[in-house]
C-alpha atoms as a PDB file:
ATOM      1  CA  MET A   1     -45.591  49.562 -59.265  1.00  0.00           C
ATOM      2  CA  THR A   2     -42.435  51.418 -58.304  1.00  0.00           C
ATOM      3  CA  LEU A   3     -41.266  51.867 -54.727  1.00  0.00           C
ATOM      4  CA  VAL A   4     -38.666  54.607 -54.159  1.00  0.00           C
ATOM      5  CA  ILE A   5     -36.150  54.612 -51.276  1.00  0.00           C
ATOM      6  CA  TRP A   6     -34.176  57.775 -50.473  1.00  0.00           C
ATOM      7  CA  ALA A   7     -31.011  57.980 -48.358  1.00  0.00           C
ATOM      8  CA  LYS A   8     -29.592  61.342 -47.304  1.00  0.00           C
ATOM      9  CA  GLY A   9     -25.921  62.241 -47.548  1.00  0.00           C
ATOM     10  CA  LEU A  10     -25.408  60.313 -50.789  1.00  0.00           C
ATOM     11  CA  GLY A  11     -25.714  57.073 -48.821  1.00  0.00           C
ATOM     12  CA  ALA A  12     -25.965  54.692 -51.760  1.00  0.00           C
ATOM     13  CA  ARG A  13     -25.064  51.699 -49.605  1.00  0.00           C
ATOM     14  CA  ALA A  14     -27.834  52.502 -47.095  1.00  0.00           C
ATOM     15  CA  ALA A  15     -30.391  52.915 -49.890  1.00  0.00           C
ATOM     16  CA  LEU A  16     -29.362  49.620 -51.517  1.00  0.00           C
ATOM     17  CA  GLU A  17     -29.452  47.780 -48.177  1.00  0.00           C
ATOM     18  CA  ALA A  18     -32.948  49.123 -47.492  1.00  0.00           C
ATOM     19  CA  ALA A  19     -34.081  48.071 -50.970  1.00  0.00           C
ATOM     20  CA  GLU A  20     -32.690  44.568 -50.436  1.00  0.00           C
ATOM     21  CA  ARG A  21     -34.446  44.296 -47.062  1.00  0.00           C
ATOM     22  CA  ILE A  22     -37.746  45.316 -48.654  1.00  0.00           C
ATOM     23  CA  ARG A  23     -37.225  42.754 -51.436  1.00  0.00           C
ATOM     24  CA  VAL A  24     -36.619  39.996 -48.882  1.00  0.00           C
ATOM     25  CA  LEU A  25     -39.691  40.977 -46.845  1.00  0.00           C
ATOM     26  CA  LEU A  26     -41.919  40.948 -49.924  1.00  0.00           C
ATOM     27  CA  ASP A  27     -40.623  37.551 -51.097  1.00  0.00           C
ATOM     28  CA  ASP A  28     -43.253  34.962 -50.116  1.00  0.00           C
ATOM     29  CA  ALA A  29     -45.170  37.566 -48.095  1.00  0.00           C
ATOM     30  CA  ALA A  30     -48.700  36.485 -47.176  1.00  0.00           C
ATOM     31  CA  LEU A  31     -50.505  39.564 -48.465  1.00  0.00           C
ATOM     32  CA  THR A  32     -54.297  39.685 -48.333  1.00  0.00           C
ATOM     33  CA  LEU A  33     -56.192  41.168 -51.266  1.00  0.00           C
ATOM     34  CA  ALA A  34     -59.966  41.607 -51.168  1.00  0.00           C
ATOM     35  CA  GLY A  35     -61.497  39.372 -53.836  1.00  0.00           C
ATOM     36  CA  HIS A  36     -58.140  38.322 -55.290  1.00  0.00           C
ATOM     37  CA  ARG A  37     -55.309  35.907 -54.669  1.00  0.00           C
ATOM     38  CA  LEU A  38     -51.716  36.998 -55.098  1.00  0.00           C
ATOM     39  CA  VAL A  39     -50.025  34.623 -57.539  1.00  0.00           C
ATOM     40  CA  LEU A  40     -46.701  36.408 -57.968  1.00  0.00           C
ATOM     41  CA  LEU A  41     -44.961  39.430 -56.495  1.00  0.00           C
ATOM     42  CA  ALA A  42     -41.468  40.040 -57.817  1.00  0.00           C
ATOM     43  CA  VAL A  43     -38.897  42.803 -58.107  1.00  0.00           C
ATOM     44  CA  THR A  44     -38.246  43.238 -61.817  1.00  0.00           C
ATOM     45  CA  ARG A  45     -35.811  46.148 -61.624  1.00  0.00           C
ATOM     46  CA  CYS A  46     -33.610  47.918 -59.097  1.00  0.00           C
ATOM     47  CA  GLU A  47     -32.124  51.241 -60.179  1.00  0.00           C
ATOM     48  CA  LEU A  48     -29.749  53.467 -58.178  1.00  0.00           C
ATOM     49  CA  LYS A  49     -29.370  57.182 -58.895  1.00  0.00           C
ATOM     50  CA  ARG A  50     -27.582  59.931 -56.996  1.00  0.00           C
ATOM     51  CA  ASP A  51     -29.101  63.386 -56.642  1.00  0.00           C
ATOM     52  CA  GLU A  52     -26.111  65.673 -56.098  1.00  0.00           C
ATOM     53  CA  ARG A  53     -28.230  68.759 -55.412  1.00  0.00           C
ATOM     54  CA  ALA A  54     -30.305  67.011 -52.749  1.00  0.00           C
ATOM     55  CA  ARG A  55     -27.201  65.163 -51.505  1.00  0.00           C
ATOM     56  CA  ALA A  56     -29.130  61.914 -51.504  1.00  0.00           C
ATOM     57  CA  ALA A  57     -29.162  58.510 -53.138  1.00  0.00           C
ATOM     58  CA  ARG A  58     -32.350  57.090 -54.610  1.00  0.00           C
ATOM     59  CA  VAL A  59     -33.176  53.455 -55.322  1.00  0.00           C
ATOM     60  CA  ALA A  60     -36.268  52.656 -57.375  1.00  0.00           C
ATOM     61  CA  LEU A  61     -37.618  49.106 -57.010  1.00  0.00           C
ATOM     62  CA  THR A  62     -40.017  48.141 -59.764  1.00  0.00           C
ATOM     63  CA  LEU A  63     -42.433  45.415 -58.698  1.00  0.00           C
ATOM     64  CA  ARG A  64     -44.645  43.133 -60.774  1.00  0.00           C
ATOM     65  CA  ALA A  65     -47.761  41.645 -59.200  1.00  0.00           C
ATOM     66  CA  VAL A  66     -49.935  38.948 -60.724  1.00  0.00           C
ATOM     67  CA  THR A  67     -53.312  38.233 -59.137  1.00  0.00           C
ATOM     68  CA  GLU A  68     -56.278  35.961 -59.757  1.00  0.00           C
ATOM     69  CA  GLU A  69     -59.854  36.921 -59.087  1.00  0.00           C
ATOM     70  CA  LEU A  70     -61.551  34.669 -56.522  1.00  0.00           C
END
């Protein structure tokens, strides 16, 4: 799964800080899944790009989730 964070005004620092905050919140989060147990949730990639036309920075966090059926 990929989660995308946008920051206006080419705010790369703001986008990266938001991505880091999301990563911290997801680390060891007690997420409930119907009929499954979350074994692992990890950020596997963090990629920053600037969109000059939109005057925005974009960070894509790629997440990997491993679950077990109950």
